[in-house]
């Protein structure tokens, strides 16, 4: 097991370098320059001012030199300074918004898998029944409904028509004067709609994966043998069958880790939540290269860590993998 883990960890470094090189190149080849975006609203700015700003940002150097300079800073855990007017360190901006996005997405993922697993198991156990058909309709709705449309629909129904839930931000104006219990309740109300939107589409997909995996497992010979021994149906399904059926879900759980910061762009923008998704969107629109690269690097790192965790989960669930 130790050798297996060391091999997987050793592969992370070249993969990370390759990802950053490709990402850095693609971002700089995209149309639009940071200087042009900043000067677009001020037509009186002359050529000399543009050149000074370009030199200040280091954009006058060849692309490979810019990448090596950025990589040297990254090795010191320095993500550079934002190209925006505040010129703040990118790491400070990320630190401010990261806890919000992580909290939202962790709650959404726990809710998603906590509901999807039993839903998928029930659909497999009671296949071809009305329960299974109802879950199938729910799954297709989850796949078909666009996230932004669902968010707008929920905002209109619960926020405008019923006026029972807030539709933007994380706090009500003047919440500082509330008691701690009132603050908690106010925050909870603000989180209901974003978390519902973040969970709905993925919940449908994960439950479908769970159903397919469970159908393949309950037809295996060892399940038939377990039933022949007189074990109760609950023990057969939830103890013996579920463990092997969870193997595909381990991969999905690993892929969900990078979504902790990169999967919230849409609903954070719609609900005006000051998180990483909103920061990333603003960085892309303003061609703020350091901010975009900083967020993408964190996303790439989480993707590799997610793959590593998935591999470890496979090895723990199936001893044959770690022996190989």
Protein backbone atom coordinates (compact mmCIF):
# COMPACT_ATOMS: atom_id res chain seq x y z
CA UNK A 1 0.00 0.00 0.00
CA UNK A 2 2.86 2.41 0.83
CA UNK A 3 4.60 1.84 -2.52
CA UNK A 4 1.28 2.34 -4.31
CA UNK A 5 0.72 5.67 -2.55
CA UNK A 6 4.28 6.88 -3.21
CA UNK A 7 3.91 6.19 -6.94
CA UNK A 8 0.65 8.11 -7.07
CA UNK A 9 2.08 11.07 -5.15
CA UNK A 10 5.22 11.19 -7.35
CA UNK A 11 3.02 11.64 -10.42
CA UNK A 12 1.43 14.79 -9.01
CA UNK A 13 4.42 17.09 -9.67
CA UNK A 14 4.81 16.58 -13.46
CA UNK A 15 1.04 16.61 -13.89
CA UNK A 16 0.78 19.89 -12.01
CA UNK A 17 3.54 21.47 -14.12
CA UNK A 18 1.86 20.36 -17.33
CA UNK A 19 -1.51 21.71 -16.24
CA UNK A 20 -0.12 25.10 -15.23
CA UNK A 21 1.85 25.43 -18.49
CA UNK A 22 -1.18 24.69 -20.67
CA UNK A 23 -3.48 26.88 -18.59
CA UNK A 24 -1.06 29.82 -18.56
CA UNK A 25 -0.64 29.64 -22.33
CA UNK A 26 -4.35 29.37 -23.10
CA UNK A 27 -5.26 32.28 -20.83
CA UNK A 28 -2.73 34.60 -22.46
CA UNK A 29 -3.83 33.58 -25.96
CA UNK A 30 -7.44 34.52 -25.21
CA UNK A 31 -8.71 37.71 -26.89
CA UNK A 32 -8.42 40.91 -24.89
CA UNK A 33 -5.62 42.39 -22.84
CA UNK A 34 -5.79 43.51 -19.19
CA UNK A 35 -4.53 46.97 -20.14
CA UNK A 36 -7.16 47.35 -22.88
CA UNK A 37 -9.91 46.30 -20.45
CA UNK A 38 -8.79 48.92 -17.92
CA UNK A 39 -8.35 51.72 -20.45
CA UNK A 40 -11.54 51.06 -22.41
CA UNK A 41 -13.54 53.55 -20.33
CA UNK A 42 -10.90 56.28 -20.60
CA UNK A 43 -10.28 57.21 -24.24
CA UNK A 44 -7.87 60.04 -23.26
CA UNK A 45 -5.19 57.60 -22.13
CA UNK A 46 -2.19 57.83 -24.43
CA UNK A 47 0.14 55.24 -25.84
CA UNK A 48 2.86 55.96 -23.29
CA UNK A 49 0.53 55.31 -20.38
CA UNK A 50 -0.48 51.99 -21.91
CA UNK A 51 3.15 51.00 -22.36
CA UNK A 52 4.01 51.92 -18.76
CA UNK A 53 1.08 49.88 -17.46
CA UNK A 54 2.03 46.94 -19.69
CA UNK A 55 5.58 47.06 -18.35
CA UNK A 56 4.33 47.40 -14.77
CA UNK A 57 2.35 44.17 -15.13
CA UNK A 58 5.26 42.41 -16.87
CA UNK A 59 3.22 41.79 -20.01
CA UNK A 60 5.94 43.21 -22.25
CA UNK A 61 8.12 40.13 -21.73
CA UNK A 62 7.95 36.96 -23.87
CA UNK A 63 5.36 34.45 -22.78
CA UNK A 64 7.89 31.85 -21.60
CA UNK A 65 9.62 34.43 -19.39
CA UNK A 66 6.28 35.43 -17.88
CA UNK A 67 5.52 31.79 -17.13
CA UNK A 68 8.90 31.14 -15.51
CA UNK A 69 8.55 34.28 -13.38
CA UNK A 70 5.07 33.24 -12.31
CA UNK A 71 6.26 29.67 -11.61
CA UNK A 72 9.10 30.94 -9.42
CA UNK A 73 6.60 32.96 -7.38
CA UNK A 74 4.29 29.94 -7.14
CA UNK A 75 7.13 27.90 -5.68
CA UNK A 76 7.21 30.45 -2.85
CA UNK A 77 3.40 30.23 -2.53
CA UNK A 78 3.10 33.70 -4.01
CA UNK A 79 0.24 34.00 -6.51
CA UNK A 80 1.16 37.56 -7.46
CA UNK A 81 -0.90 40.73 -7.30
CA UNK A 82 -4.23 41.40 -8.91
CA UNK A 83 -4.39 43.54 -12.06
CA UNK A 84 -7.50 45.28 -10.68
CA UNK A 85 -7.39 48.82 -9.31
CA UNK A 86 -6.78 47.69 -5.73
CA UNK A 87 -3.62 45.76 -6.77
CA UNK A 88 -4.02 43.48 -3.76
CA UNK A 89 -2.22 40.12 -3.39
CA UNK A 90 -4.23 37.36 -5.03
CA UNK A 91 -3.72 35.12 -2.01
CA UNK A 92 -5.43 37.68 0.24
CA UNK A 93 -8.42 37.86 -2.09
CA UNK A 94 -8.71 34.09 -2.18
CA UNK A 95 -8.40 33.79 1.61
CA UNK A 96 -11.33 36.16 2.03
CA UNK A 97 -13.67 34.23 -0.25
CA UNK A 98 -12.49 30.64 0.08
CA UNK A 99 -14.25 29.83 3.41
CA UNK A 100 -17.61 30.95 1.98
CA UNK A 101 -17.33 28.79 -1.14
CA UNK A 102 -15.96 25.78 0.75
CA UNK A 103 -18.77 25.93 3.30
CA UNK A 104 -21.46 26.16 0.64
CA UNK A 105 -20.10 23.35 -1.50
CA UNK A 106 -19.26 21.00 1.37
CA UNK A 107 -22.85 21.27 2.64
CA UNK A 108 -24.14 20.73 -0.92
CA UNK A 109 -21.93 17.66 -1.50
CA UNK A 110 -22.84 16.07 1.85
CA UNK A 111 -26.53 16.66 1.11
CA UNK A 112 -26.11 15.40 -2.45
CA UNK A 113 -24.45 12.08 -1.56
CA UNK A 114 -26.49 11.64 1.61
CA UNK A 115 -29.70 11.68 -0.43
CA UNK A 116 -28.45 10.18 -3.70
CA UNK A 117 -27.15 6.92 -2.20
CA UNK A 118 -30.41 5.80 -0.53
CA UNK A 119 -32.44 7.05 -3.51
CA UNK A 120 -30.31 5.02 -5.93
CA UNK A 121 -30.42 1.92 -3.70
CA UNK A 122 -34.21 2.09 -3.38
CA UNK A 123 -34.59 2.55 -7.13
CA UNK A 124 -32.45 -0.54 -7.75
CA UNK A 125 -34.15 -2.71 -5.12
CA UNK A 126 -37.63 -1.76 -6.35
CA UNK A 127 -36.78 -1.59 -10.04
CA UNK A 128 -39.57 -1.41 -12.61
CA UNK A 129 -42.02 -0.29 -9.92
CA UNK A 130 -43.77 3.05 -9.61
CA UNK A 131 -41.08 4.14 -7.16
CA UNK A 132 -38.35 3.43 -9.68
CA UNK A 133 -40.26 5.20 -12.45
CA UNK A 134 -40.88 8.23 -10.26
CA UNK A 135 -37.16 8.44 -9.40
CA UNK A 136 -36.33 8.13 -13.11
CA UNK A 137 -38.57 11.10 -13.92
CA UNK A 138 -36.87 13.07 -11.14
CA UNK A 139 -33.45 12.16 -12.56
CA UNK A 140 -34.32 13.29 -16.08
CA UNK A 141 -35.67 16.57 -14.70
CA UNK A 142 -32.40 17.06 -12.84
CA UNK A 143 -30.41 16.51 -16.03
CA UNK A 144 -32.67 18.65 -18.21
CA UNK A 145 -33.21 21.74 -16.06
CA UNK A 146 -30.43 24.35 -16.54
CA UNK A 147 -28.91 25.54 -13.27
CA UNK A 148 -29.38 29.23 -13.99
CA UNK A 149 -33.04 28.73 -14.97
CA UNK A 150 -33.75 26.73 -11.83
CA UNK A 151 -32.08 29.44 -9.73
CA UNK A 152 -34.17 32.19 -11.32
CA UNK A 153 -37.34 30.12 -10.93
CA UNK A 154 -36.71 29.50 -7.22
CA UNK A 155 -35.83 33.15 -6.67
CA UNK A 156 -39.09 34.27 -8.28
CA UNK A 157 -41.28 31.75 -6.48
CA UNK A 158 -39.82 31.80 -2.96
CA UNK A 159 -38.37 35.31 -2.97
CA UNK A 160 -40.89 37.33 -4.97
CA UNK A 161 -44.21 35.49 -4.89
CA UNK A 162 -44.06 33.95 -1.40
CA UNK A 163 -41.51 36.43 0.01
CA UNK A 164 -40.29 33.82 2.49
CA UNK A 165 -36.64 33.46 1.48
CA UNK A 166 -33.94 36.04 0.61
CA UNK A 167 -32.65 35.93 -2.95
CA UNK A 168 -29.17 37.44 -2.70
CA UNK A 169 -26.19 37.78 -0.40
CA UNK A 170 -25.46 35.95 2.83
CA UNK A 171 -26.84 38.35 5.41
CA UNK A 172 -29.67 40.79 5.88
CA UNK A 173 -28.77 44.48 6.08
CA UNK A 174 -28.00 45.35 9.70
CA UNK A 175 -27.58 41.75 10.83
CA UNK A 176 -24.73 42.81 13.14
CA UNK A 177 -27.33 43.96 15.67
CA UNK A 178 -28.97 40.51 15.78
CA UNK A 179 -28.39 37.94 18.51
CA UNK A 180 -26.25 34.91 17.62
CA UNK A 181 -29.33 32.71 17.15
CA UNK A 182 -30.96 35.31 14.90
CA UNK A 183 -27.71 35.59 12.88
CA UNK A 184 -27.62 31.82 12.45
CA UNK A 185 -31.24 31.73 11.31
CA UNK A 186 -30.64 34.64 8.93
CA UNK A 187 -27.61 32.89 7.41
CA UNK A 188 -29.55 29.61 7.10
CA UNK A 189 -32.36 31.32 5.18
CA UNK A 190 -29.85 32.85 2.77
CA UNK A 191 -28.22 29.46 2.15
CA UNK A 192 -31.36 27.45 1.38
CA UNK A 193 -31.78 28.48 -2.27
CA UNK A 194 -28.06 28.38 -3.27
CA UNK A 195 -27.57 24.96 -1.70
CA UNK A 196 -30.76 23.64 -3.32
CA UNK A 197 -29.56 24.81 -6.73
CA UNK A 198 -26.05 23.44 -6.17
CA UNK A 199 -27.37 20.02 -5.10
CA UNK A 200 -30.28 19.35 -7.45
CA UNK A 201 -28.56 18.55 -10.74
CA UNK A 202 -25.75 16.53 -9.17
CA UNK A 203 -28.20 14.68 -6.92
CA UNK A 204 -30.02 13.37 -9.96
CA UNK A 205 -26.82 12.17 -11.65
CA UNK A 206 -25.30 10.53 -8.57
CA UNK A 207 -28.52 8.68 -7.74
CA UNK A 208 -28.58 7.30 -11.30
CA UNK A 209 -25.00 6.08 -10.99
CA UNK A 210 -25.89 4.48 -7.67
CA UNK A 211 -28.88 2.69 -9.19
CA UNK A 212 -26.83 1.30 -12.10
CA UNK A 213 -24.03 0.11 -9.81
CA UNK A 214 -26.49 -1.46 -7.38
CA UNK A 215 -28.31 -3.33 -10.15
CA UNK A 216 -25.04 -4.89 -11.26
CA UNK A 217 -24.13 -5.95 -7.71
CA UNK A 218 -27.42 -7.48 -6.51
CA UNK A 219 -27.32 -9.96 -9.39
CA UNK A 220 -23.93 -11.35 -8.35
CA UNK A 221 -23.58 -14.90 -7.02
CA UNK A 222 -22.39 -13.88 -3.56
CA UNK A 223 -25.60 -11.87 -3.03
CA UNK A 224 -27.67 -14.92 -3.95
CA UNK A 225 -25.55 -16.98 -1.54
CA UNK A 226 -26.06 -14.43 1.25
CA UNK A 227 -29.80 -14.63 0.77
CA UNK A 228 -29.66 -18.43 0.71
CA UNK A 229 -27.93 -18.37 4.10
CA UNK A 230 -31.01 -16.73 5.56
CA UNK A 231 -29.62 -13.20 6.03
CA UNK A 232 -32.23 -10.47 6.19
CA UNK A 233 -32.78 -8.36 3.09
CA UNK A 234 -31.57 -5.26 4.92
CA UNK A 235 -28.24 -6.89 5.79
CA UNK A 236 -27.80 -8.22 2.25
CA UNK A 237 -28.50 -4.86 0.61
CA UNK A 238 -27.04 -2.32 3.01
CA UNK A 239 -24.02 -4.31 4.22
CA UNK A 240 -22.92 -6.75 1.52
CA UNK A 241 -24.16 -5.20 -1.73
CA UNK A 242 -23.70 -1.53 -0.91
CA UNK A 243 -19.96 -1.74 -0.28
CA UNK A 244 -19.12 -2.98 -3.78
CA UNK A 245 -21.73 -0.72 -5.37
CA UNK A 246 -19.99 2.29 -3.86
CA UNK A 247 -16.87 1.86 -6.02
CA UNK A 248 -18.15 4.10 -8.87
CA UNK A 249 -19.34 6.61 -6.28
CA UNK A 250 -15.79 6.85 -4.91
CA UNK A 251 -14.66 8.18 -8.29
CA UNK A 252 -17.52 10.70 -8.34
CA UNK A 253 -16.65 11.80 -4.81
CA UNK A 254 -13.05 12.36 -5.89
CA UNK A 255 -14.17 14.44 -8.87
CA UNK A 256 -16.41 16.48 -6.55
CA UNK A 257 -13.40 17.86 -4.66
CA UNK A 258 -12.31 20.37 -7.35
CA UNK A 259 -15.94 21.44 -7.54
CA UNK A 260 -15.55 22.78 -4.00
CA UNK A 261 -14.18 26.00 -5.49
CA UNK A 262 -14.83 25.78 -9.22
CA UNK A 263 -18.38 24.50 -9.34
CA UNK A 264 -20.09 27.55 -7.88
CA UNK A 265 -19.58 30.19 -10.55
CA UNK A 266 -23.20 30.17 -11.74
CA UNK A 267 -25.11 30.20 -8.47
CA UNK A 268 -22.66 32.54 -6.72
CA UNK A 269 -23.07 35.03 -9.53
CA UNK A 270 -26.87 34.74 -9.61
CA UNK A 271 -27.31 34.91 -5.83
CA UNK A 272 -24.61 37.62 -5.40
CA UNK A 273 -22.58 35.49 -2.99
CA UNK A 274 -19.05 36.86 -2.46
CA UNK A 275 -17.24 33.56 -3.03
CA UNK A 276 -14.59 32.08 -5.27
CA UNK A 277 -16.96 31.55 -8.17
CA UNK A 278 -17.88 35.21 -8.31
CA UNK A 279 -14.20 36.21 -7.98
CA UNK A 280 -13.26 33.89 -10.84
CA UNK A 281 -16.01 35.29 -13.07
CA UNK A 282 -14.93 38.86 -12.37
CA UNK A 283 -11.29 37.93 -13.03
CA UNK A 284 -12.12 36.37 -16.40
CA UNK A 285 -14.23 39.36 -17.48
CA UNK A 286 -11.46 41.84 -16.57
CA UNK A 287 -8.61 39.61 -17.88
CA UNK A 288 -7.07 39.60 -14.40
CA UNK A 289 -4.48 36.93 -15.17
CA UNK A 290 -3.05 36.47 -11.63
CA UNK A 291 -6.51 35.97 -10.12
CA UNK A 292 -7.59 33.55 -12.83
CA UNK A 293 -4.34 31.57 -12.63
CA UNK A 294 -4.45 31.49 -8.83
CA UNK A 295 -7.96 30.02 -8.80
CA UNK A 296 -7.19 27.59 -11.62
CA UNK A 297 -4.04 26.37 -9.87
CA UNK A 298 -6.01 25.66 -6.71
CA UNK A 299 -8.65 23.90 -8.80
CA UNK A 300 -6.02 21.80 -10.59
CA UNK A 301 -4.39 20.88 -7.28
CA UNK A 302 -7.75 19.83 -5.84
CA UNK A 303 -8.44 17.79 -8.97
CA UNK A 304 -5.21 15.86 -8.55
CA UNK A 305 -5.85 15.42 -4.82
CA UNK A 306 -9.37 14.21 -5.65
CA UNK A 307 -7.96 11.61 -8.04
CA UNK A 308 -5.48 10.52 -5.36
CA UNK A 309 -8.24 10.18 -2.76
CA UNK A 310 -10.32 8.20 -5.25
CA UNK A 311 -7.37 5.86 -5.87
CA UNK A 312 -6.90 5.41 -2.12
CA UNK A 313 -10.60 4.76 -1.73
CA UNK A 314 -10.47 2.12 -4.46
CA UNK A 315 -7.49 0.47 -2.79
CA UNK A 316 -9.27 0.39 0.57
CA UNK A 317 -12.51 -0.92 -0.92
CA UNK A 318 -10.90 -3.48 -3.25
CA UNK A 319 -7.71 -5.18 -1.93
CA UNK A 320 -6.86 -6.45 -5.43
CA UNK A 321 -5.95 -2.91 -6.53
CA UNK A 322 -3.33 -2.27 -3.87
CA UNK A 323 -1.82 -5.73 -4.34
CA UNK A 324 -1.40 -5.06 -8.06
